[in-house]
Amino acid sequence: MVTTADLCQDPTYQEECPPMGLDEILDRVALGRLVTVVGSGSVDRLTREVIAIPVADLPTTTLVLSWLPPTSRPEIVTFVHTVQRTAAAVANRPRSVPAAPDPRAAKVRSS
């Protein structure tokens, strides 16, 4: 984990994310030309050349999608219904509790 003070020590750090697509941002990071903060939603797009490190003193964020109402575009209506169904399913899903370790399980010893 790093802090914003740590990031500010790096000469390639930009506090504001550059106005470019995520692919170009990741390319610049991979080439060592840029250090910046992006949302956690971009984690799935990282390559082996780029890693994500949590920034301890930044607040968490929530991604919110919006559009101008009313919309009659079928693709937006379908997307909204899908998001609403998915959000409801996730909200109603029971949270799993990790099982306690089995005391009978074998213990691995290193020599």
C-alpha atoms as a PDB file:
ATOM      1  CA  MET A   1       0.000   0.000   0.000  1.00  0.00           C
ATOM      2  CA  VAL A   2       1.172   3.543  -0.724  1.00  0.00           C
ATOM      3  CA  THR A   3       0.015   7.027   0.254  1.00  0.00           C
ATOM      4  CA  THR A   4      -0.519  10.090  -1.897  1.00  0.00           C
ATOM      5  CA  ALA A   5       2.664  11.521  -0.342  1.00  0.00           C
ATOM      6  CA  ASP A   6       4.542   8.471  -1.664  1.00  0.00           C
ATOM      7  CA  LEU A   7       3.069   9.001  -5.117  1.00  0.00           C
ATOM      8  CA  CYS A   8       4.033  12.678  -5.141  1.00  0.00           C
ATOM      9  CA  GLN A   9       7.679  11.655  -4.761  1.00  0.00           C
ATOM     10  CA  ASP A  10       7.592   9.976  -8.179  1.00  0.00           C
ATOM     11  CA  PRO A  11       8.339  12.421 -11.026  1.00  0.00           C
ATOM     12  CA  THR A  12       6.010  10.521 -13.382  1.00  0.00           C
ATOM     13  CA  TYR A  13       3.016  10.840 -11.023  1.00  0.00           C
ATOM     14  CA  GLN A  14       0.049  12.837 -12.298  1.00  0.00           C
ATOM     15  CA  GLU A  15      -2.618  13.610  -9.703  1.00  0.00           C
ATOM     16  CA  GLU A  16      -5.279  14.098 -12.352  1.00  0.00           C
ATOM     17  CA  CYS A  17      -5.778  11.168 -14.664  1.00  0.00           C
ATOM     18  CA  PRO A  18      -4.740  12.259 -18.187  1.00  0.00           C
ATOM     19  CA  PRO A  19      -7.568  12.916 -20.672  1.00  0.00           C
ATOM     20  CA  MET A  20      -7.025   9.776 -22.741  1.00  0.00           C
ATOM     21  CA  GLY A  21      -8.386   6.282 -22.976  1.00  0.00           C
ATOM     22  CA  LEU A  22      -7.514   3.629 -20.422  1.00  0.00           C
ATOM     23  CA  ASP A  23      -5.499   1.626 -22.963  1.00  0.00           C
ATOM     24  CA  GLU A  24      -3.189   4.583 -23.602  1.00  0.00           C
ATOM     25  CA  ILE A  25      -2.869   5.258 -19.873  1.00  0.00           C
ATOM     26  CA  LEU A  26      -1.872   1.633 -19.263  1.00  0.00           C
ATOM     27  CA  ASP A  27       0.612   1.767 -22.149  1.00  0.00           C
ATOM     28  CA  ARG A  28       2.280   4.844 -20.642  1.00  0.00           C
ATOM     29  CA  VAL A  29       2.386   3.205 -17.206  1.00  0.00           C
ATOM     30  CA  ALA A  30       3.922   0.043 -18.699  1.00  0.00           C
ATOM     31  CA  LEU A  31       6.587   2.160 -20.428  1.00  0.00           C
ATOM     32  CA  GLY A  32       7.456   3.896 -17.151  1.00  0.00           C
ATOM     33  CA  ARG A  33       6.207   7.286 -18.369  1.00  0.00           C
ATOM     34  CA  LEU A  34       3.220   7.642 -16.065  1.00  0.00           C
ATOM     35  CA  VAL A  35       2.024   6.905 -12.547  1.00  0.00           C
ATOM     36  CA  THR A  36      -1.595   7.825 -11.830  1.00  0.00           C
ATOM     37  CA  VAL A  37      -4.647   6.692  -9.906  1.00  0.00           C
ATOM     38  CA  VAL A  38      -7.468   4.965 -11.754  1.00  0.00           C
ATOM     39  CA  GLY A  39     -10.663   3.396 -10.455  1.00  0.00           C
ATOM     40  CA  SER A  40     -10.766  -0.174  -9.235  1.00  0.00           C
ATOM     41  CA  GLY A  41     -12.972  -1.013 -12.205  1.00  0.00           C
ATOM     42  CA  SER A  42      -9.877  -0.950 -14.395  1.00  0.00           C
ATOM     43  CA  VAL A  43      -8.210  -3.873 -12.590  1.00  0.00           C
ATOM     44  CA  ASP A  44      -9.509  -6.370 -15.146  1.00  0.00           C
ATOM     45  CA  ARG A  45      -7.659  -4.472 -17.875  1.00  0.00           C
ATOM     46  CA  LEU A  46      -4.204  -4.622 -16.266  1.00  0.00           C
ATOM     47  CA  THR A  47      -1.400  -6.463 -17.994  1.00  0.00           C
ATOM     48  CA  ARG A  48       1.553  -8.274 -16.459  1.00  0.00           C
ATOM     49  CA  GLU A  49       3.627  -5.117 -16.958  1.00  0.00           C
ATOM     50  CA  VAL A  50       1.249  -3.011 -14.830  1.00  0.00           C
ATOM     51  CA  ILE A  51       0.216  -3.632 -11.240  1.00  0.00           C
ATOM     52  CA  ALA A  52      -2.417  -2.031  -9.041  1.00  0.00           C
ATOM     53  CA  ILE A  53      -1.424  -0.830  -5.599  1.00  0.00           C
ATOM     54  CA  PRO A  54      -4.053   0.476  -3.141  1.00  0.00           C
ATOM     55  CA  VAL A  55      -3.610   4.100  -2.050  1.00  0.00           C
ATOM     56  CA  ALA A  56      -4.206   4.147   1.692  1.00  0.00           C
ATOM     57  CA  ASP A  57      -5.326   7.739   2.123  1.00  0.00           C
ATOM     58  CA  LEU A  58      -7.739   8.042  -0.801  1.00  0.00           C
ATOM     59  CA  PRO A  59     -11.461   7.506  -0.269  1.00  0.00           C
ATOM     60  CA  THR A  60     -13.223   4.607  -1.915  1.00  0.00           C
ATOM     61  CA  THR A  61     -15.295   5.416  -4.956  1.00  0.00           C
ATOM     62  CA  THR A  62     -18.536   4.185  -6.411  1.00  0.00           C
ATOM     63  CA  LEU A  63     -19.093   3.933 -10.131  1.00  0.00           C
ATOM     64  CA  VAL A  64     -22.463   5.320 -11.135  1.00  0.00           C
ATOM     65  CA  LEU A  65     -23.942   5.139 -14.618  1.00  0.00           C
ATOM     66  CA  SER A  66     -26.366   7.773 -15.822  1.00  0.00           C
ATOM     67  CA  TRP A  67     -28.252   8.853 -18.912  1.00  0.00           C
ATOM     68  CA  LEU A  68     -30.721  11.557 -19.837  1.00  0.00           C
ATOM     69  CA  PRO A  69     -34.347  10.490 -19.377  1.00  0.00           C
ATOM     70  CA  PRO A  70     -36.527   9.572 -21.038  1.00  0.00           C
ATOM     71  CA  THR A  71     -34.793   7.162 -23.331  1.00  0.00           C
ATOM     72  CA  SER A  72     -36.408   5.050 -25.948  1.00  0.00           C
ATOM     73  CA  ARG A  73     -33.196   3.568 -27.281  1.00  0.00           C
ATOM     74  CA  PRO A  74     -33.714  -0.188 -26.926  1.00  0.00           C
ATOM     75  CA  GLU A  75     -30.066  -0.921 -26.105  1.00  0.00           C
ATOM     76  CA  ILE A  76     -30.138   1.486 -23.145  1.00  0.00           C
ATOM     77  CA  VAL A  77     -33.467   0.157 -21.891  1.00  0.00           C
ATOM     78  CA  THR A  78     -32.147  -3.428 -22.111  1.00  0.00           C
ATOM     79  CA  PHE A  79     -28.908  -2.445 -20.377  1.00  0.00           C
ATOM     80  CA  VAL A  80     -30.756  -0.669 -17.543  1.00  0.00           C
ATOM     81  CA  HIS A  81     -33.040  -3.666 -16.958  1.00  0.00           C
ATOM     82  CA  THR A  82     -30.038  -6.001 -16.909  1.00  0.00           C
ATOM     83  CA  VAL A  83     -28.209  -3.803 -14.396  1.00  0.00           C
ATOM     84  CA  GLN A  84     -31.286  -3.576 -12.179  1.00  0.00           C
ATOM     85  CA  ARG A  85     -31.774  -7.366 -12.189  1.00  0.00           C
ATOM     86  CA  THR A  86     -28.094  -7.975 -11.485  1.00  0.00           C
ATOM     87  CA  ALA A  87     -27.988  -5.420  -8.658  1.00  0.00           C
ATOM     88  CA  ALA A  88     -31.090  -6.956  -7.074  1.00  0.00           C
ATOM     89  CA  ALA A  89     -29.624 -10.460  -7.330  1.00  0.00           C
ATOM     90  CA  VAL A  90     -26.342  -9.374  -5.758  1.00  0.00           C
ATOM     91  CA  ALA A  91     -28.131  -7.485  -2.972  1.00  0.00           C
ATOM     92  CA  ASN A  92     -30.284 -10.518  -2.151  1.00  0.00           C
ATOM     93  CA  ARG A  93     -27.477 -13.066  -2.354  1.00  0.00           C
ATOM     94  CA  PRO A  94     -26.608 -14.600   1.026  1.00  0.00           C
ATOM     95  CA  ARG A  95     -23.122 -13.769   2.120  1.00  0.00           C
ATOM     96  CA  SER A  96     -20.966 -16.796   2.674  1.00  0.00           C
ATOM     97  CA  VAL A  97     -19.116 -17.185   5.931  1.00  0.00           C
ATOM     98  CA  PRO A  98     -15.736 -18.885   5.698  1.00  0.00           C
ATOM     99  CA  ALA A  99     -15.832 -22.330   7.224  1.00  0.00           C
ATOM    100  CA  ALA A 100     -13.748 -22.932  10.314  1.00  0.00           C
ATOM    101  CA  PRO A 101     -10.648 -25.010   9.649  1.00  0.00           C
ATOM    102  CA  ASP A 102     -11.133 -28.716  10.167  1.00  0.00           C
ATOM    103  CA  PRO A 103      -9.106 -29.650  13.267  1.00  0.00           C
ATOM    104  CA  ARG A 104      -8.602 -33.105  11.755  1.00  0.00           C
ATOM    105  CA  ALA A 105      -6.878 -31.668   8.691  1.00  0.00           C
ATOM    106  CA  ALA A 106      -3.258 -32.612   8.250  1.00  0.00           C
ATOM    107  CA  LYS A 107      -0.719 -29.915   8.978  1.00  0.00           C
ATOM    108  CA  VAL A 108       2.123 -29.340   6.558  1.00  0.00           C
ATOM    109  CA  ARG A 109       5.531 -29.016   8.142  1.00  0.00           C
ATOM    110  CA  SER A 110       8.601 -27.587   6.536  1.00  0.00           C
ATOM    111  CA  SER A 111      12.008 -28.912   7.432  1.00  0.00           C
END
